[in-house]
Amino acid sequence: LSVDQLSNARLGLIEGVSEAVLKDVIDGLRAANPPVLTGREANQIMQGNQVQEDRVGQLVDVVCKKGDVASGYENHWQDGGTSHQINPQI
């Protein structure tokens, strides 16, 4: 996904991503080569927000700020060792 596509999908992701999927996505983004998220960023997302929807929104915002290269890891999000599909219809 491009940054624009990810931004447009933000609301759907916020409403549809469970905590388990969010953790898998964060782990995949940290394991990517090069990593999209640092450990500090991952901790801030998970520990800095008590509401699940806020966590997802912050993750989308962080990835969007990093640009199209980071948002292009969407394919990794889909098949990064999990069966989760988080690519909503745009």
PDB file of N, CA and C in Angstrom:
ATOM      1  N   LEU A   1       0.834  -1.181   0.000  1.00  0.00           N
ATOM      2  CA  LEU A   1       0.000   0.000   0.000  1.00  0.00           C
ATOM      3  C   LEU A   1       0.878   1.243   0.000  1.00  0.00           C
ATOM      4  N   SER A   2       0.457   2.235  -0.727  1.00  0.00           N
ATOM      5  CA  SER A   2       1.141   3.523  -0.654  1.00  0.00           C
ATOM      6  C   SER A   2       0.687   4.241   0.618  1.00  0.00           C
ATOM      7  N   VAL A   3       1.361   5.313   0.956  1.00  0.00           N
ATOM      8  CA  VAL A   3       0.962   6.103   2.127  1.00  0.00           C
ATOM      9  C   VAL A   3      -0.474   6.583   1.966  1.00  0.00           C
ATOM     10  N   ASP A   4      -0.838   7.041   0.769  1.00  0.00           N
ATOM     11  CA  ASP A   4      -2.210   7.510   0.540  1.00  0.00           C
ATOM     12  C   ASP A   4      -3.218   6.389   0.745  1.00  0.00           C
ATOM     13  N   GLN A   5      -2.926   5.202   0.231  1.00  0.00           N
ATOM     14  CA  GLN A   5      -3.841   4.074   0.397  1.00  0.00           C
ATOM     15  C   GLN A   5      -3.950   3.678   1.864  1.00  0.00           C
ATOM     16  N   LEU A   6      -2.820   3.648   2.558  1.00  0.00           N
ATOM     17  CA  LEU A   6      -2.836   3.296   3.974  1.00  0.00           C
ATOM     18  C   LEU A   6      -3.611   4.334   4.773  1.00  0.00           C
ATOM     19  N   SER A   7      -3.425   5.604   4.461  1.00  0.00           N
ATOM     20  CA  SER A   7      -4.179   6.665   5.140  1.00  0.00           C
ATOM     21  C   SER A   7      -5.673   6.513   4.895  1.00  0.00           C
ATOM     22  N   ASN A   8      -6.045   6.186   3.661  1.00  0.00           N
ATOM     23  CA  ASN A   8      -7.460   6.003   3.334  1.00  0.00           C
ATOM     24  C   ASN A   8      -8.048   4.775   4.014  1.00  0.00           C
ATOM     25  N   ALA A   9      -7.220   3.770   4.281  1.00  0.00           N
ATOM     26  CA  ALA A   9      -7.688   2.541   4.920  1.00  0.00           C
ATOM     27  C   ALA A   9      -7.670   2.647   6.444  1.00  0.00           C
ATOM     28  N   ARG A  10      -7.193   3.757   6.982  1.00  0.00           N
ATOM     29  CA  ARG A  10      -6.975   3.920   8.425  1.00  0.00           C
ATOM     30  C   ARG A  10      -8.210   3.580   9.252  1.00  0.00           C
ATOM     31  N   LEU A  11      -9.349   4.142   8.911  1.00  0.00           N
ATOM     32  CA  LEU A  11     -10.557   3.913   9.709  1.00  0.00           C
ATOM     33  C   LEU A  11     -10.947   2.439   9.706  1.00  0.00           C
ATOM     34  N   GLY A  12     -10.894   1.803   8.543  1.00  0.00           N
ATOM     35  CA  GLY A  12     -11.215   0.378   8.467  1.00  0.00           C
ATOM     36  C   GLY A  12     -10.272  -0.469   9.296  1.00  0.00           C
ATOM     37  N   LEU A  13      -8.998  -0.119   9.293  1.00  0.00           N
ATOM     38  CA  LEU A  13      -8.031  -0.845  10.105  1.00  0.00           C
ATOM     39  C   LEU A  13      -8.304  -0.635  11.589  1.00  0.00           C
ATOM     40  N   ILE A  14      -8.580   0.602  11.971  1.00  0.00           N
ATOM     41  CA  ILE A  14      -8.859   0.906  13.377  1.00  0.00           C
ATOM     42  C   ILE A  14     -10.049   0.095  13.872  1.00  0.00           C
ATOM     43  N   GLU A  15     -11.064  -0.021  13.046  1.00  0.00           N
ATOM     44  CA  GLU A  15     -12.277  -0.731  13.452  1.00  0.00           C
ATOM     45  C   GLU A  15     -12.142  -2.246  13.351  1.00  0.00           C
ATOM     46  N   GLY A  16     -11.194  -2.742  12.539  1.00  0.00           N
ATOM     47  CA  GLY A  16     -11.191  -4.169  12.253  1.00  0.00           C
ATOM     48  C   GLY A  16     -10.002  -4.983  12.711  1.00  0.00           C
ATOM     49  N   VAL A  17      -8.981  -4.364  13.299  1.00  0.00           N
ATOM     50  CA  VAL A  17      -7.785  -5.115  13.670  1.00  0.00           C
ATOM     51  C   VAL A  17      -7.839  -5.475  15.151  1.00  0.00           C
ATOM     52  N   SER A  18      -7.732  -6.771  15.432  1.00  0.00           N
ATOM     53  CA  SER A  18      -7.742  -7.243  16.815  1.00  0.00           C
ATOM     54  C   SER A  18      -6.367  -7.055  17.449  1.00  0.00           C
ATOM     55  N   GLU A  19      -6.300  -7.243  18.750  1.00  0.00           N
ATOM     56  CA  GLU A  19      -5.024  -7.097  19.452  1.00  0.00           C
ATOM     57  C   GLU A  19      -4.018  -8.136  18.973  1.00  0.00           C
ATOM     58  N   ALA A  20      -4.470  -9.371  18.746  1.00  0.00           N
ATOM     59  CA  ALA A  20      -3.565 -10.424  18.278  1.00  0.00           C
ATOM     60  C   ALA A  20      -2.967 -10.072  16.921  1.00  0.00           C
ATOM     61  N   VAL A  21      -3.794  -9.567  16.016  1.00  0.00           N
ATOM     62  CA  VAL A  21      -3.308  -9.180  14.692  1.00  0.00           C
ATOM     63  C   VAL A  21      -2.350  -8.002  14.818  1.00  0.00           C
ATOM     64  N   LEU A  22      -2.687  -7.030  15.651  1.00  0.00           N
ATOM     65  CA  LEU A  22      -1.813  -5.873  15.844  1.00  0.00           C
ATOM     66  C   LEU A  22      -0.435  -6.312  16.327  1.00  0.00           C
ATOM     67  N   LYS A  23      -0.395  -7.214  17.290  1.00  0.00           N
ATOM     68  CA  LYS A  23       0.886  -7.705  17.800  1.00  0.00           C
ATOM     69  C   LYS A  23       1.674  -8.413  16.706  1.00  0.00           C
ATOM     70  N   ASP A  24       0.982  -9.222  15.885  1.00  0.00           N
ATOM     71  CA  ASP A  24       1.656  -9.907  14.777  1.00  0.00           C
ATOM     72  C   ASP A  24       2.219  -8.911  13.770  1.00  0.00           C
ATOM     73  N   VAL A  25       1.450  -7.872  13.467  1.00  0.00           N
ATOM     74  CA  VAL A  25       1.901  -6.854  12.515  1.00  0.00           C
ATOM     75  C   VAL A  25       3.124  -6.126  13.070  1.00  0.00           C
ATOM     76  N   ILE A  26       3.054  -5.732  14.332  1.00  0.00           N
ATOM     77  CA  ILE A  26       4.188  -5.038  14.952  1.00  0.00           C
ATOM     78  C   ILE A  26       5.425  -5.928  14.941  1.00  0.00           C
ATOM     79  N   ASP A  27       5.262  -7.203  15.288  1.00  0.00           N
ATOM     80  CA  ASP A  27       6.401  -8.127  15.263  1.00  0.00           C
ATOM     81  C   ASP A  27       6.979  -8.245  13.857  1.00  0.00           C
ATOM     82  N   GLY A  28       6.106  -8.319  12.854  1.00  0.00           N
ATOM     83  CA  GLY A  28       6.566  -8.411  11.472  1.00  0.00           C
ATOM     84  C   GLY A  28       7.298  -7.167  11.020  1.00  0.00           C
ATOM     85  N   LEU A  29       6.811  -6.017  11.435  1.00  0.00           N
ATOM     86  CA  LEU A  29       7.460  -4.760  11.057  1.00  0.00           C
ATOM     87  C   LEU A  29       8.799  -4.581  11.767  1.00  0.00           C
ATOM     88  N   ARG A  30       8.915  -5.133  12.957  1.00  0.00           N
ATOM     89  CA  ARG A  30      10.206  -5.084  13.668  1.00  0.00           C
ATOM     90  C   ARG A  30      11.197  -6.072  13.067  1.00  0.00           C
ATOM     91  N   ALA A  31      10.687  -7.213  12.554  1.00  0.00           N
ATOM     92  CA  ALA A  31      11.558  -8.255  12.007  1.00  0.00           C
ATOM     93  C   ALA A  31      11.956  -8.000  10.557  1.00  0.00           C
ATOM     94  N   ALA A  32      11.288  -7.055   9.908  1.00  0.00           N
ATOM     95  CA  ALA A  32      11.596  -6.761   8.503  1.00  0.00           C
ATOM     96  C   ALA A  32      13.052  -6.329   8.371  1.00  0.00           C
ATOM     97  N   ASN A  33      13.600  -6.504   7.175  1.00  0.00           N
ATOM     98  CA  ASN A  33      14.985  -6.110   6.936  1.00  0.00           C
ATOM     99  C   ASN A  33      15.025  -5.088   5.820  1.00  0.00           C
ATOM    100  N   PRO A  34      15.254  -3.826   6.113  1.00  0.00           N
ATOM    101  CA  PRO A  34      15.515  -3.241   7.430  1.00  0.00           C
ATOM    102  C   PRO A  34      14.217  -3.092   8.220  1.00  0.00           C
ATOM    103  N   PRO A  35      14.327  -3.030   9.543  1.00  0.00           N
ATOM    104  CA  PRO A  35      13.123  -2.902  10.373  1.00  0.00           C
ATOM    105  C   PRO A  35      12.352  -1.618  10.064  1.00  0.00           C
ATOM    106  N   VAL A  36      11.036  -1.747  10.040  1.00  0.00           N
ATOM    107  CA  VAL A  36      10.174  -0.578   9.852  1.00  0.00           C
ATOM    108  C   VAL A  36       9.947   0.103  11.194  1.00  0.00           C
ATOM    109  N   LEU A  37       9.850  -0.681  12.260  1.00  0.00           N
ATOM    110  CA  LEU A  37       9.645  -0.149  13.612  1.00  0.00           C
ATOM    111  C   LEU A  37      10.815  -0.508  14.504  1.00  0.00           C
ATOM    112  N   THR A  38      11.185   0.406  15.363  1.00  0.00           N
ATOM    113  CA  THR A  38      12.173   0.109  16.401  1.00  0.00           C
ATOM    114  C   THR A  38      11.444  -0.490  17.599  1.00  0.00           C
ATOM    115  N   GLY A  39      12.199  -1.083  18.496  1.00  0.00           N
ATOM    116  CA  GLY A  39      11.604  -1.607  19.719  1.00  0.00           C
ATOM    117  C   GLY A  39      10.934  -0.515  20.528  1.00  0.00           C
ATOM    118  N   ARG A  40      11.543   0.644  20.548  1.00  0.00           N
ATOM    119  CA  ARG A  40      10.972   1.782  21.286  1.00  0.00           C
ATOM    120  C   ARG A  40       9.626   2.192  20.691  1.00  0.00           C
ATOM    121  N   GLU A  41       9.552   2.262  19.355  1.00  0.00           N
ATOM    122  CA  GLU A  41       8.286   2.627  18.705  1.00  0.00           C
ATOM    123  C   GLU A  41       7.208   1.585  18.997  1.00  0.00           C
ATOM    124  N   ALA A  42       7.580   0.315  18.934  1.00  0.00           N
ATOM    125  CA  ALA A  42       6.616  -0.753  19.210  1.00  0.00           C
ATOM    126  C   ALA A  42       6.106  -0.661  20.645  1.00  0.00           C
ATOM    127  N   ASN A  43       7.016  -0.446  21.582  1.00  0.00           N
ATOM    128  CA  ASN A  43       6.613  -0.316  22.984  1.00  0.00           C
ATOM    129  C   ASN A  43       5.715   0.893  23.197  1.00  0.00           C
ATOM    130  N   GLN A  44       6.026   2.006  22.545  1.00  0.00           N
ATOM    131  CA  GLN A  44       5.204   3.211  22.678  1.00  0.00           C
ATOM    132  C   GLN A  44       3.786   2.951  22.178  1.00  0.00           C
ATOM    133  N   ILE A  45       3.675   2.255  21.073  1.00  0.00           N
ATOM    134  CA  ILE A  45       2.348   1.956  20.521  1.00  0.00           C
ATOM    135  C   ILE A  45       1.566   1.071  21.481  1.00  0.00           C
ATOM    136  N   MET A  46       2.196   0.008  21.978  1.00  0.00           N
ATOM    137  CA  MET A  46       1.482  -0.961  22.811  1.00  0.00           C
ATOM    138  C   MET A  46       1.258  -0.462  24.238  1.00  0.00           C
ATOM    139  N   GLN A  47       2.210   0.250  24.799  1.00  0.00           N
ATOM    140  CA  GLN A  47       2.098   0.656  26.198  1.00  0.00           C
ATOM    141  C   GLN A  47       1.590   2.078  26.369  1.00  0.00           C
ATOM    142  N   GLY A  48       1.686   2.881  25.335  1.00  0.00           N
ATOM    143  CA  GLY A  48       1.292   4.278  25.436  1.00  0.00           C
ATOM    144  C   GLY A  48      -0.187   4.519  25.201  1.00  0.00           C
ATOM    145  N   ASN A  49      -0.897   3.482  24.808  1.00  0.00           N
ATOM    146  CA  ASN A  49      -2.329   3.605  24.516  1.00  0.00           C
ATOM    147  C   ASN A  49      -3.078   2.484  25.211  1.00  0.00           C
ATOM    148  N   GLN A  50      -4.106   2.834  25.960  1.00  0.00           N
ATOM    149  CA  GLN A  50      -4.904   1.815  26.630  1.00  0.00           C
ATOM    150  C   GLN A  50      -6.004   1.273  25.732  1.00  0.00           C
ATOM    151  N   VAL A  51      -6.415   2.041  24.761  1.00  0.00           N
ATOM    152  CA  VAL A  51      -7.526   1.650  23.888  1.00  0.00           C
ATOM    153  C   VAL A  51      -6.960   1.032  22.613  1.00  0.00           C
ATOM    154  N   GLN A  52      -7.442  -0.158  22.261  1.00  0.00           N
ATOM    155  CA  GLN A  52      -6.959  -0.886  21.091  1.00  0.00           C
ATOM    156  C   GLN A  52      -7.023  -0.052  19.814  1.00  0.00           C
ATOM    157  N   GLU A  53      -8.117   0.636  19.612  1.00  0.00           N
ATOM    158  CA  GLU A  53      -8.274   1.437  18.395  1.00  0.00           C
ATOM    159  C   GLU A  53      -7.209   2.531  18.307  1.00  0.00           C
ATOM    160  N   ASP A  54      -6.825   3.093  19.461  1.00  0.00           N
ATOM    161  CA  ASP A  54      -5.767   4.108  19.484  1.00  0.00           C
ATOM    162  C   ASP A  54      -4.416   3.503  19.108  1.00  0.00           C
ATOM    163  N   ARG A  55      -4.182   2.260  19.533  1.00  0.00           N
ATOM    164  CA  ARG A  55      -2.934   1.580  19.176  1.00  0.00           C
ATOM    165  C   ARG A  55      -2.829   1.400  17.667  1.00  0.00           C
ATOM    166  N   VAL A  56      -3.909   0.920  17.075  1.00  0.00           N
ATOM    167  CA  VAL A  56      -3.907   0.698  15.626  1.00  0.00           C
ATOM    168  C   VAL A  56      -3.727   2.023  14.895  1.00  0.00           C
ATOM    169  N   GLY A  57      -4.443   3.048  15.326  1.00  0.00           N
ATOM    170  CA  GLY A  57      -4.318   4.359  14.697  1.00  0.00           C
ATOM    171  C   GLY A  57      -2.907   4.895  14.782  1.00  0.00           C
ATOM    172  N   GLN A  58      -2.270   4.728  15.937  1.00  0.00           N
ATOM    173  CA  GLN A  58      -0.897   5.208  16.089  1.00  0.00           C
ATOM    174  C   GLN A  58       0.049   4.420  15.192  1.00  0.00           C
ATOM    175  N   LEU A  59      -0.154   3.110  15.074  1.00  0.00           N
ATOM    176  CA  LEU A  59       0.696   2.314  14.188  1.00  0.00           C
ATOM    177  C   LEU A  59       0.575   2.798  12.748  1.00  0.00           C
ATOM    178  N   VAL A  60      -0.650   3.003  12.284  1.00  0.00           N
ATOM    179  CA  VAL A  60      -0.853   3.501  10.923  1.00  0.00           C
ATOM    180  C   VAL A  60      -0.163   4.851  10.755  1.00  0.00           C
ATOM    181  N   ASP A  61      -0.322   5.732  11.725  1.00  0.00           N
ATOM    182  CA  ASP A  61       0.292   7.064  11.644  1.00  0.00           C
ATOM    183  C   ASP A  61       1.817   6.983  11.580  1.00  0.00           C
ATOM    184  N   VAL A  62       2.411   6.123  12.407  1.00  0.00           N
ATOM    185  CA  VAL A  62       3.868   5.981  12.427  1.00  0.00           C
ATOM    186  C   VAL A  62       4.364   5.461  11.080  1.00  0.00           C
ATOM    187  N   VAL A  63       3.689   4.442  10.548  1.00  0.00           N
ATOM    188  CA  VAL A  63       4.109   3.872   9.264  1.00  0.00           C
ATOM    189  C   VAL A  63       3.933   4.899   8.147  1.00  0.00           C
ATOM    190  N   CYS A  64       2.832   5.647   8.164  1.00  0.00           N
ATOM    191  CA  CYS A  64       2.612   6.669   7.130  1.00  0.00           C
ATOM    192  C   CYS A  64       3.693   7.742   7.170  1.00  0.00           C
ATOM    193  N   LYS A  65       4.108   8.145   8.355  1.00  0.00           N
ATOM    194  CA  LYS A  65       5.149   9.174   8.478  1.00  0.00           C
ATOM    195  C   LYS A  65       6.483   8.709   7.918  1.00  0.00           C
ATOM    196  N   LYS A  66       6.685   7.392   7.874  1.00  0.00           N
ATOM    197  CA  LYS A  66       7.944   6.848   7.357  1.00  0.00           C
ATOM    198  C   LYS A  66       7.943   6.743   5.842  1.00  0.00           C
ATOM    199  N   GLY A  67       6.794   6.970   5.211  1.00  0.00           N
ATOM    200  CA  GLY A  67       6.753   7.035   3.754  1.00  0.00           C
ATOM    201  C   GLY A  67       6.350   5.747   3.066  1.00  0.00           C
ATOM    202  N   ASP A  68       6.379   5.813   1.724  1.00  0.00           N
ATOM    203  CA  ASP A  68       5.903   4.706   0.903  1.00  0.00           C
ATOM    204  C   ASP A  68       6.718   3.430   1.081  1.00  0.00           C
ATOM    205  N   VAL A  69       8.006   3.542   1.339  1.00  0.00           N
ATOM    206  CA  VAL A  69       8.814   2.334   1.515  1.00  0.00           C
ATOM    207  C   VAL A  69       8.311   1.553   2.720  1.00  0.00           C
ATOM    208  N   ALA A  70       8.067   2.235   3.833  1.00  0.00           N
ATOM    209  CA  ALA A  70       7.573   1.564   5.037  1.00  0.00           C
ATOM    210  C   ALA A  70       6.160   1.051   4.836  1.00  0.00           C
ATOM    211  N   SER A  71       5.297   1.838   4.216  1.00  0.00           N
ATOM    212  CA  SER A  71       3.916   1.391   4.024  1.00  0.00           C
ATOM    213  C   SER A  71       3.852   0.257   3.025  1.00  0.00           C
ATOM    214  N   GLY A  72       4.878   0.093   2.207  1.00  0.00           N
ATOM    215  CA  GLY A  72       4.933  -1.000   1.249  1.00  0.00           C
ATOM    216  C   GLY A  72       5.123  -2.356   1.890  1.00  0.00           C
ATOM    217  N   TYR A  73       5.392  -2.398   3.171  1.00  0.00           N
ATOM    218  CA  TYR A  73       5.524  -3.663   3.870  1.00  0.00           C
ATOM    219  C   TYR A  73       4.172  -4.311   4.122  1.00  0.00           C
ATOM    220  N   GLU A  74       3.112  -3.763   3.539  1.00  0.00           N
ATOM    221  CA  GLU A  74       1.767  -4.319   3.689  1.00  0.00           C
ATOM    222  C   GLU A  74       1.750  -5.787   3.295  1.00  0.00           C
ATOM    223  N   ASN A  75       2.486  -6.177   2.255  1.00  0.00           N
ATOM    224  CA  ASN A  75       2.522  -7.584   1.867  1.00  0.00           C
ATOM    225  C   ASN A  75       3.113  -8.424   2.983  1.00  0.00           C
ATOM    226  N   HIS A  76       4.120  -7.900   3.661  1.00  0.00           N
ATOM    227  CA  HIS A  76       4.704  -8.608   4.797  1.00  0.00           C
ATOM    228  C   HIS A  76       3.672  -8.741   5.910  1.00  0.00           C
ATOM    229  N   TRP A  77       2.843  -7.718   6.069  1.00  0.00           N
ATOM    230  CA  TRP A  77       1.804  -7.765   7.092  1.00  0.00           C
ATOM    231  C   TRP A  77       0.858  -8.912   6.808  1.00  0.00           C
ATOM    232  N   GLN A  78       0.562  -9.174   5.530  1.00  0.00           N
ATOM    233  CA  GLN A  78      -0.414 -10.202   5.178  1.00  0.00           C
ATOM    234  C   GLN A  78       0.146 -11.599   5.326  1.00  0.00           C
ATOM    235  N   ASP A  79       1.400 -11.841   4.954  1.00  0.00           N
ATOM    236  CA  ASP A  79       1.898 -13.199   4.985  1.00  0.00           C
ATOM    237  C   ASP A  79       3.168 -13.343   5.809  1.00  0.00           C
ATOM    238  N   GLY A  80       3.335 -12.501   6.793  1.00  0.00           N
ATOM    239  CA  GLY A  80       4.519 -12.568   7.639  1.00  0.00           C
ATOM    240  C   GLY A  80       4.421 -13.654   8.692  1.00  0.00           C
ATOM    241  N   GLY A  81       4.109 -14.873   8.260  1.00  0.00           N
ATOM    242  CA  GLY A  81       4.041 -15.985   9.187  1.00  0.00           C
ATOM    243  C   GLY A  81       2.692 -16.123   9.866  1.00  0.00           C
ATOM    244  N   THR A  82       1.713 -15.351   9.447  1.00  0.00           N
ATOM    245  CA  THR A  82       0.388 -15.460  10.047  1.00  0.00           C
ATOM    246  C   THR A  82      -0.642 -15.629   8.951  1.00  0.00           C
ATOM    247  N   SER A  83      -1.839 -15.986   9.345  1.00  0.00           N
ATOM    248  CA  SER A  83      -2.924 -16.117   8.372  1.00  0.00           C
ATOM    249  C   SER A  83      -3.817 -14.889   8.380  1.00  0.00           C
ATOM    250  N   HIS A  84      -3.407 -13.845   9.075  1.00  0.00           N
ATOM    251  CA  HIS A  84      -4.234 -12.654   9.205  1.00  0.00           C
ATOM    252  C   HIS A  84      -4.219 -11.826   7.934  1.00  0.00           C
ATOM    253  N   GLN A  85      -5.369 -11.382   7.523  1.00  0.00           N
ATOM    254  CA  GLN A  85      -5.503 -10.481   6.386  1.00  0.00           C
ATOM    255  C   GLN A  85      -5.995  -9.147   6.932  1.00  0.00           C
ATOM    256  N   ILE A  86      -5.208  -8.100   6.784  1.00  0.00           N
ATOM    257  CA  ILE A  86      -5.636  -6.806   7.313  1.00  0.00           C
ATOM    258  C   ILE A  86      -5.703  -5.764   6.221  1.00  0.00           C
ATOM    259  N   ASN A  87      -5.824  -6.197   4.986  1.00  0.00           N
ATOM    260  CA  ASN A  87      -5.889  -5.271   3.863  1.00  0.00           C
ATOM    261  C   ASN A  87      -7.357  -5.030   3.532  1.00  0.00           C
ATOM    262  N   PRO A  88      -7.976  -4.003   4.116  1.00  0.00           N
ATOM    263  CA  PRO A  88      -9.393  -3.755   3.859  1.00  0.00           C
ATOM    264  C   PRO A  88      -9.604  -3.267   2.436  1.00  0.00           C
ATOM    265  N   GLN A  89     -10.809  -3.407   1.960  1.00  0.00           N
ATOM    266  CA  GLN A  89     -11.139  -2.894   0.635  1.00  0.00           C
ATOM    267  C   GLN A  89     -11.020  -1.386   0.653  1.00  0.00           C
ATOM    268  N   ILE A  90     -10.363  -0.854  -0.344  1.00  0.00           N
ATOM    269  CA  ILE A  90     -10.156   0.594  -0.422  1.00  0.00           C
ATOM    270  C   ILE A  90     -11.030   1.143  -1.524  1.00  0.00           C
TER     271      ILE A  90
END
